[in-house]
Amino acid sequence: MSKITLKHLFIRGEKKIGLQFYPNKVLNALVKGLPEVKFSKQFNMAYIDNNKQNICLILNTFRGVAWVDGKYFFDKKNIRPLDELNALNLSEELSSRVPESYLNKLIIKRYANNTIRTYCSLFARFLNRYKNQDINDLGEAEIQQYMKELILAGKSNSFINQMINAIKFYYEIVLQMPNRFYELNRPIKREQLPKVISKESVIKMIDCTTNLKHKCLIALIYSAGLRRSEALELLPEHINSDRMTITIIHGKGGKDRITTLSSYLLDLLRQYFKEYRPKYYLFEGQKGGQYSATSILKVVRNAGYKAGVSTKVTTHMLRHSFATHLLEDGTDLRKIQNLLGHNSLKTTEVYTHVATDFQLGVKNPLDSLYLKI
């Protein structure tokens, strides 16, 4: 993958973002598309104004295309590279409590945007609980006390585990104090079966959706087994019609993978592309830019409601249904693991508990009793 290195430049008394890279057609085109980009002969690199919006734009523009190297840029004097805190809609008091080193480290380590938002939001909650104390004076006792308060408040096990991760990230990654809080007791993980819908319900959801973009989104998430964030990060070039595959770049855990492309979906996407002409992301909002996670959830829920599905349908439910239906059709479990991007086969095995083919051939004992009468 190509690399772009960000540099701090000071030109005619103004701060600029320098873009240093080995030129090629793709990178040249993307750099030229940046707002008011100029070239410095003195520094021998392109540059744009240094502001939060442009830093965010750079990270989004080159995601999946080039590695943005920020080691010379983000380690400088508490510079906040991305205004993620404002995007969280946190109060001013909470925003001011999250150290900029915490946010910078999340971005430099290339955590997904959703993870960055979650960690910052949770860590801000924790800091607000001890707002009259120095963060570096807090220890295991204070964290255990906070965990107890969350449990008594009825917070879910998932929420508490995420909170522990967000806190540990500061002490162990930002401050580089390894294993300091490994004695924290995590809640016992509840084994929940994935919620799935029938094939007939999926068909109804797609057929009852008249908006072409919405129809493509539903068909895509189901037919490729995508997470919501993966669908939003897709670029047109990730769709390979020759090999009938879809490439997922930087999925969960930063892993790339390849999943299957439906012929039916490919026809829909070709119609969609002619009508909408997306500029960068495969799916974009009305004013351009990445389609929002909230919007895609509304699309799926509305389609489920129109289709008469008895439960509220989520994007992840479509992913679960994709895996379950493949298993019921006889697809090998390890192949499903690869399509979903699971690290462990044990994670994929949960679908054996909901796939009906594992129950076929088992006669219900009550029916057996009545057949004998």
Protein backbone atom coordinates (compact mmCIF):
# COMPACT_ATOMS: atom_id res chain seq x y z
CA MET A 1 0.00 0.00 0.00
CA SER A 2 1.20 3.53 -0.79
CA LYS A 3 2.20 5.89 2.01
CA ILE A 4 1.60 9.59 2.64
CA THR A 5 3.61 11.27 5.40
CA LEU A 6 2.13 14.31 7.11
CA LYS A 7 4.51 17.15 8.02
CA HIS A 8 4.11 20.45 9.85
CA LEU A 9 4.92 23.37 7.56
CA PHE A 10 5.02 27.10 8.32
CA ILE A 11 4.53 29.09 5.11
CA ARG A 12 4.17 32.89 5.02
CA GLY A 13 3.33 32.98 8.69
CA GLU A 14 0.58 30.31 8.50
CA LYS A 15 0.48 26.69 9.65
CA LYS A 16 0.12 24.14 6.84
CA ILE A 17 -0.15 20.37 6.49
CA GLY A 18 2.59 19.01 4.25
CA LEU A 19 1.85 15.88 2.18
CA GLN A 20 4.96 13.91 1.31
CA PHE A 21 4.56 10.88 -0.98
CA TYR A 22 5.89 9.06 -4.01
CA PRO A 23 3.56 10.20 -6.80
CA ASN A 24 1.32 7.89 -8.79
CA LYS A 25 -1.89 8.48 -10.75
CA VAL A 26 -4.24 7.58 -7.91
CA LEU A 27 -2.49 9.62 -5.22
CA ASN A 28 -1.98 12.57 -7.56
CA ALA A 29 -5.70 12.65 -8.36
CA LEU A 30 -6.73 12.41 -4.70
CA VAL A 31 -4.28 15.11 -3.58
CA LYS A 32 -5.45 17.46 -6.35
CA GLY A 33 -9.00 16.98 -5.09
CA LEU A 34 -8.13 18.38 -1.64
CA PRO A 35 -9.36 21.95 -0.95
CA GLU A 36 -7.01 24.74 -2.08
CA VAL A 37 -4.04 22.41 -2.31
CA LYS A 38 -0.74 24.03 -3.34
CA PHE A 39 2.83 22.92 -3.98
CA SER A 40 5.91 24.22 -2.17
CA LYS A 41 9.16 24.20 -4.15
CA GLN A 42 11.02 25.01 -0.95
CA PHE A 43 9.80 21.87 0.83
CA ASN A 44 9.16 19.87 -2.35
CA MET A 45 5.69 18.72 -1.29
CA ALA A 46 2.01 19.57 -1.61
CA TYR A 47 0.30 21.31 1.29
CA ILE A 48 -3.09 22.53 2.52
CA ASP A 49 -4.31 24.65 5.44
CA ASN A 50 -3.75 23.14 8.86
CA ASN A 51 -7.18 22.84 10.46
CA LYS A 52 -9.24 20.08 12.03
CA GLN A 53 -11.56 19.74 9.04
CA ASN A 54 -8.67 19.17 6.63
CA ILE A 55 -7.00 16.61 8.89
CA CYS A 56 -10.28 14.70 9.07
CA LEU A 57 -10.63 14.98 5.29
CA ILE A 58 -7.11 13.62 4.70
CA LEU A 59 -7.69 10.59 6.91
CA ASN A 60 -10.99 9.81 5.18
CA THR A 61 -9.71 10.49 1.65
CA PHE A 62 -6.76 8.11 1.81
CA ARG A 63 -8.33 5.41 4.01
CA GLY A 64 -7.95 2.09 2.22
CA VAL A 65 -5.84 3.71 -0.51
CA ALA A 66 -2.69 4.81 1.27
CA TRP A 67 -1.24 4.58 4.75
CA VAL A 68 -1.28 8.00 6.37
CA ASP A 69 1.92 8.23 8.44
CA GLY A 70 1.38 10.77 11.21
CA LYS A 71 4.39 10.09 13.43
CA TYR A 72 5.93 13.47 12.56
CA PHE A 73 2.61 15.25 12.87
CA PHE A 74 0.49 13.99 15.76
CA ASP A 75 3.25 13.80 18.36
CA LYS A 76 3.73 17.57 18.36
CA LYS A 77 2.69 19.66 21.38
CA ASN A 78 -0.82 18.44 22.12
CA ILE A 79 -2.14 18.95 18.59
CA ARG A 80 -5.64 17.54 18.30
CA PRO A 81 -5.63 15.85 14.87
CA LEU A 82 -9.32 15.11 14.58
CA ASP A 83 -12.26 16.80 16.24
CA GLU A 84 -13.76 13.50 17.33
CA LEU A 85 -14.88 14.87 20.69
CA ASN A 86 -17.28 17.34 19.09
CA ALA A 87 -18.70 14.53 16.96
CA LEU A 88 -19.54 12.68 20.18
CA ASN A 89 -21.88 15.49 21.27
CA LEU A 90 -20.25 15.48 24.69
CA SER A 91 -20.73 18.40 27.04
CA GLU A 92 -17.94 20.95 27.18
CA GLU A 93 -17.03 19.70 30.66
CA LEU A 94 -16.62 16.10 29.49
CA SER A 95 -14.76 17.09 26.31
CA SER A 96 -12.20 19.05 28.29
CA ARG A 97 -11.51 16.02 30.51
CA VAL A 98 -10.32 13.64 27.75
CA PRO A 99 -6.53 14.08 27.30
CA GLU A 100 -5.52 14.90 23.76
CA SER A 101 -2.77 12.28 24.06
CA TYR A 102 -5.55 9.69 24.45
CA LEU A 103 -7.29 10.70 21.23
CA ASN A 104 -4.02 11.07 19.33
CA LYS A 105 -2.91 7.56 20.31
CA LEU A 106 -6.22 6.05 19.17
CA ILE A 107 -5.84 7.67 15.75
CA ILE A 108 -2.15 6.88 15.36
CA LYS A 109 -2.85 3.21 16.16
CA ARG A 110 -5.50 3.35 13.40
CA TYR A 111 -8.47 2.37 15.54
CA ALA A 112 -11.79 2.44 13.67
CA ASN A 113 -13.77 5.68 13.93
CA ASN A 114 -16.57 3.94 15.83
CA THR A 115 -14.06 2.58 18.35
CA ILE A 116 -12.50 6.03 18.76
CA ARG A 117 -15.89 7.57 19.51
CA THR A 118 -16.81 4.80 21.93
CA TYR A 119 -13.51 4.88 23.84
CA CYS A 120 -13.53 8.69 24.15
CA SER A 121 -17.14 8.77 25.29
CA LEU A 122 -16.62 6.05 27.90
CA PHE A 123 -13.33 7.43 29.16
CA ALA A 124 -14.93 10.87 29.52
CA ARG A 125 -17.65 9.31 31.70
CA PHE A 126 -15.03 7.70 33.91
CA LEU A 127 -13.05 10.93 34.27
CA ASN A 128 -16.18 12.87 35.10
CA ARG A 129 -16.86 10.48 37.98
CA TYR A 130 -13.50 11.50 39.50
CA LYS A 131 -13.39 15.06 38.16
CA ASN A 132 -11.90 16.44 41.38
CA GLN A 133 -8.94 14.03 41.30
CA ASP A 134 -5.83 13.84 39.15
CA ILE A 135 -6.24 11.08 36.58
CA ASN A 136 -2.77 9.71 37.23
CA ASP A 137 -3.51 9.34 40.95
CA LEU A 138 -6.38 6.92 40.29
CA GLY A 139 -5.74 3.25 40.89
CA GLU A 140 -7.38 -0.14 40.91
CA ALA A 141 -9.55 0.67 43.94
CA GLU A 142 -11.18 3.67 42.23
CA ILE A 143 -11.81 1.72 39.06
CA GLN A 144 -13.30 -1.23 40.94
CA GLN A 145 -15.58 1.19 42.79
CA TYR A 146 -16.72 2.70 39.49
CA MET A 147 -17.39 -0.77 38.05
CA LYS A 148 -19.53 -1.58 41.10
CA GLU A 149 -21.54 1.60 40.54
CA LEU A 150 -22.13 0.67 36.89
CA ILE A 151 -23.38 -2.79 37.90
CA LEU A 152 -25.75 -1.32 40.51
CA ALA A 153 -26.98 1.13 37.85
CA GLY A 154 -27.98 -1.84 35.68
CA LYS A 155 -25.40 -1.37 32.92
CA SER A 156 -24.97 -4.35 30.61
CA ASN A 157 -21.96 -6.67 30.69
CA SER A 158 -20.99 -5.45 27.24
CA PHE A 159 -21.00 -1.82 28.42
CA ILE A 160 -18.87 -2.65 31.46
CA ASN A 161 -16.35 -4.59 29.38
CA GLN A 162 -16.05 -1.69 26.95
CA MET A 163 -15.54 0.69 29.87
CA ILE A 164 -12.71 -1.48 31.20
CA ASN A 165 -11.09 -1.50 27.75
CA ALA A 166 -11.35 2.29 27.46
CA ILE A 167 -9.76 2.82 30.89
CA LYS A 168 -7.01 0.25 30.36
CA PHE A 169 -6.14 1.89 27.03
CA TYR A 170 -5.13 5.10 28.81
CA TYR A 171 -2.95 3.56 31.48
CA GLU A 172 -1.46 0.71 29.48
CA ILE A 173 -1.17 2.20 25.97
CA VAL A 174 -1.04 5.97 26.37
CA LEU A 175 1.03 5.98 29.58
CA GLN A 176 2.75 2.69 28.62
CA MET A 177 2.16 1.01 31.97
CA PRO A 178 1.62 -2.62 30.84
CA ASN A 179 -0.70 -4.92 32.80
CA ARG A 180 -1.36 -2.35 35.50
CA PHE A 181 -5.02 -3.22 35.77
CA TYR A 182 -5.13 -6.84 34.69
CA GLU A 183 -6.64 -7.77 38.06
CA LEU A 184 -9.89 -6.02 37.16
CA ASN A 185 -12.75 -8.51 37.30
CA ARG A 186 -14.74 -8.59 34.10
CA PRO A 187 -18.40 -9.68 34.06
CA ILE A 188 -19.05 -13.26 32.99
CA LYS A 189 -19.84 -13.15 29.30
CA ARG A 190 -23.43 -14.10 28.61
CA GLU A 191 -23.75 -16.53 25.74
CA GLN A 192 -26.52 -15.11 23.55
CA LEU A 193 -27.81 -16.76 20.41
CA PRO A 194 -27.70 -14.56 17.32
CA LYS A 195 -31.05 -13.21 16.15
CA VAL A 196 -31.89 -14.14 12.58
CA ILE A 197 -34.76 -13.68 10.15
CA SER A 198 -35.99 -16.04 7.44
CA LYS A 199 -34.98 -15.97 3.78
CA GLU A 200 -38.55 -15.01 2.94
CA SER A 201 -38.29 -11.97 5.24
CA VAL A 202 -35.06 -10.86 3.57
CA ILE A 203 -36.72 -11.06 0.13
CA LYS A 204 -39.71 -9.06 1.38
CA MET A 205 -37.43 -6.38 2.84
CA ILE A 206 -35.56 -5.95 -0.44
CA ASP A 207 -38.69 -6.07 -2.62
CA CYS A 208 -40.66 -3.56 -0.54
CA THR A 209 -37.81 -1.01 -0.65
CA THR A 210 -38.35 1.37 -3.59
CA ASN A 211 -35.34 3.67 -3.06
CA LEU A 212 -32.52 2.20 -5.16
CA LYS A 213 -29.73 3.20 -2.75
CA HIS A 214 -31.61 1.71 0.20
CA LYS A 215 -32.34 -1.48 -1.73
CA CYS A 216 -28.62 -1.84 -2.55
CA LEU A 217 -27.62 -1.32 1.08
CA ILE A 218 -29.96 -4.01 2.40
CA ALA A 219 -29.00 -6.49 -0.32
CA LEU A 220 -25.30 -5.75 0.19
CA ILE A 221 -25.21 -6.19 3.96
CA TYR A 222 -27.16 -9.45 3.78
CA SER A 223 -25.52 -11.00 0.71
CA ALA A 224 -21.95 -10.22 1.80
CA GLY A 225 -22.38 -10.61 5.56
CA LEU A 226 -21.07 -7.13 6.27
CA ARG A 227 -20.91 -5.14 9.47
CA ARG A 228 -22.49 -1.70 9.26
CA SER A 229 -19.13 0.09 9.42
CA GLU A 230 -17.76 -2.12 6.63
CA ALA A 231 -20.62 -1.20 4.31
CA LEU A 232 -20.07 2.49 4.99
CA GLU A 233 -16.31 2.28 4.29
CA LEU A 234 -16.71 0.58 0.89
CA LEU A 235 -15.31 2.28 -2.20
CA PRO A 236 -16.47 1.48 -5.77
CA GLU A 237 -13.11 -0.17 -6.53
CA HIS A 238 -13.71 -2.70 -3.76
CA ILE A 239 -16.39 -4.33 -5.94
CA ASN A 240 -14.71 -6.83 -8.30
CA SER A 241 -17.20 -7.94 -10.94
CA ASP A 242 -14.62 -10.12 -12.74
CA ARG A 243 -14.02 -12.32 -9.72
CA MET A 244 -17.46 -11.69 -8.17
CA THR A 245 -15.92 -10.64 -4.88
CA ILE A 246 -16.04 -7.71 -2.47
CA THR A 247 -12.85 -6.63 -0.70
CA ILE A 248 -13.21 -5.39 2.88
CA ILE A 249 -10.36 -3.07 3.89
CA HIS A 250 -9.56 -2.61 7.59
CA GLY A 251 -12.49 -4.59 8.95
CA LYS A 252 -12.84 -5.36 12.65
CA GLY A 253 -9.40 -5.70 14.17
CA GLY A 254 -7.85 -3.93 11.17
CA LYS A 255 -8.09 -7.09 9.03
CA ASP A 256 -8.70 -7.19 5.29
CA ARG A 257 -10.81 -9.96 3.81
CA ILE A 258 -12.69 -10.99 0.69
CA THR A 259 -16.36 -11.92 0.66
CA THR A 260 -18.80 -12.98 -2.01
CA LEU A 261 -20.56 -10.71 -4.52
CA SER A 262 -24.12 -11.57 -5.49
CA SER A 263 -25.06 -11.43 -9.19
CA TYR A 264 -28.39 -9.88 -8.22
CA LEU A 265 -26.59 -7.23 -6.14
CA LEU A 266 -24.15 -6.51 -8.97
CA ASP A 267 -27.03 -5.63 -11.31
CA LEU A 268 -28.50 -3.35 -8.63
CA LEU A 269 -25.15 -1.65 -8.03
CA ARG A 270 -24.68 -0.96 -11.73
CA GLN A 271 -28.08 0.75 -11.84
CA TYR A 272 -27.28 2.61 -8.65
CA PHE A 273 -23.90 3.82 -9.89
CA LYS A 274 -25.39 5.23 -13.10
CA GLU A 275 -28.07 7.10 -11.16
CA TYR A 276 -26.13 8.38 -8.12
CA ARG A 277 -22.54 8.68 -9.42
CA PRO A 278 -20.82 8.51 -5.98
CA LYS A 279 -17.64 10.62 -5.88
CA TYR A 280 -15.61 8.68 -3.33
CA TYR A 281 -17.47 6.25 -1.06
CA LEU A 282 -19.75 3.69 -2.65
CA PHE A 283 -22.61 5.05 -0.52
CA GLU A 284 -22.68 8.77 0.21
CA GLY A 285 -25.08 11.18 1.88
CA GLN A 286 -27.24 13.70 0.03
CA LYS A 287 -24.58 16.39 0.48
CA GLY A 288 -21.70 14.05 -0.27
CA GLY A 289 -19.32 12.44 2.18
CA GLN A 290 -19.76 9.13 3.92
CA TYR A 291 -23.29 7.83 4.45
CA SER A 292 -24.17 7.96 8.15
CA ALA A 293 -24.42 4.94 10.44
CA THR A 294 -27.72 6.24 11.83
CA SER A 295 -29.24 6.51 8.37
CA ILE A 296 -28.33 2.97 7.40
CA LEU A 297 -29.92 1.64 10.60
CA LYS A 298 -33.13 3.54 9.82
CA VAL A 299 -33.16 2.11 6.29
CA VAL A 300 -32.94 -1.47 7.58
CA ARG A 301 -35.50 -0.95 10.35
CA ASN A 302 -38.01 0.72 8.03
CA ALA A 303 -37.64 -2.10 5.49
CA GLY A 304 -38.23 -4.68 8.22
CA TYR A 305 -41.33 -2.82 9.37
CA LYS A 306 -42.72 -2.56 5.81
CA ALA A 307 -42.00 -6.25 5.22
CA GLY A 308 -44.00 -7.18 8.31
CA VAL A 309 -41.08 -8.73 10.21
CA SER A 310 -42.24 -9.24 13.78
CA THR A 311 -38.97 -8.08 15.39
CA LYS A 312 -36.95 -4.89 14.90
CA VAL A 313 -34.40 -5.74 12.23
CA THR A 314 -30.83 -4.43 12.63
CA THR A 315 -27.89 -4.46 10.24
CA HIS A 316 -26.15 -7.08 12.39
CA MET A 317 -29.25 -9.26 12.23
CA LEU A 318 -28.82 -9.35 8.44
CA ARG A 319 -25.20 -10.43 8.92
CA HIS A 320 -26.31 -13.19 11.31
CA SER A 321 -28.97 -14.29 8.82
CA PHE A 322 -26.36 -14.43 6.02
CA ALA A 323 -24.22 -16.84 8.06
CA THR A 324 -27.15 -18.95 9.25
CA HIS A 325 -28.67 -19.33 5.79
CA LEU A 326 -25.30 -20.35 4.33
CA LEU A 327 -24.95 -23.00 7.03
CA GLU A 328 -28.47 -24.29 6.36
CA ASP A 329 -27.60 -24.54 2.65
CA GLY A 330 -24.63 -26.78 3.45
CA THR A 331 -21.73 -24.30 3.30
CA ASP A 332 -18.67 -25.44 5.25
CA LEU A 333 -18.32 -23.70 8.62
CA ARG A 334 -14.71 -22.69 7.99
CA LYS A 335 -15.67 -20.98 4.74
CA ILE A 336 -18.32 -19.03 6.62
CA GLN A 337 -15.68 -18.07 9.19
CA ASN A 338 -13.50 -16.58 6.44
CA LEU A 339 -16.42 -14.72 4.84
CA LEU A 340 -17.36 -13.16 8.18
CA GLY A 341 -13.79 -12.37 9.19
CA HIS A 342 -13.91 -14.24 12.51
CA ASN A 343 -10.58 -14.93 14.23
CA SER A 344 -11.78 -18.18 15.75
CA LEU A 345 -13.96 -20.96 14.38
CA LYS A 346 -15.55 -21.11 17.84
CA THR A 347 -17.14 -17.70 17.19
CA THR A 348 -18.70 -18.99 13.97
CA GLU A 349 -19.95 -22.19 15.62
CA VAL A 350 -22.67 -20.21 17.40
CA TYR A 351 -24.69 -20.33 14.18
CA THR A 352 -25.03 -24.10 14.53
CA HIS A 353 -27.39 -23.41 17.44
CA VAL A 354 -29.85 -21.44 15.29
CA ALA A 355 -29.54 -23.14 11.91
CA THR A 356 -32.61 -25.31 11.37
CA ASP A 357 -30.73 -27.97 9.39
CA PHE A 358 -29.09 -29.09 12.63
CA GLN A 359 -32.55 -29.82 13.95
CA LEU A 360 -33.88 -31.58 10.84
CA GLY A 361 -34.43 -35.30 11.27
CA VAL A 362 -35.21 -34.89 14.95
CA LYS A 363 -38.84 -35.80 15.49
CA ASN A 364 -40.59 -33.87 18.23
CA PRO A 365 -41.46 -36.30 21.06
CA LEU A 366 -44.95 -34.84 21.51
CA ASP A 367 -45.76 -35.54 17.88
CA SER A 368 -44.41 -39.06 18.30
CA LEU A 369 -46.81 -39.65 21.20
CA TYR A 370 -49.85 -38.57 19.23
CA LEU A 371 -48.84 -40.56 16.15
CA LYS A 372 -48.95 -43.71 18.26
CA ILE A 373 -52.51 -43.05 19.43
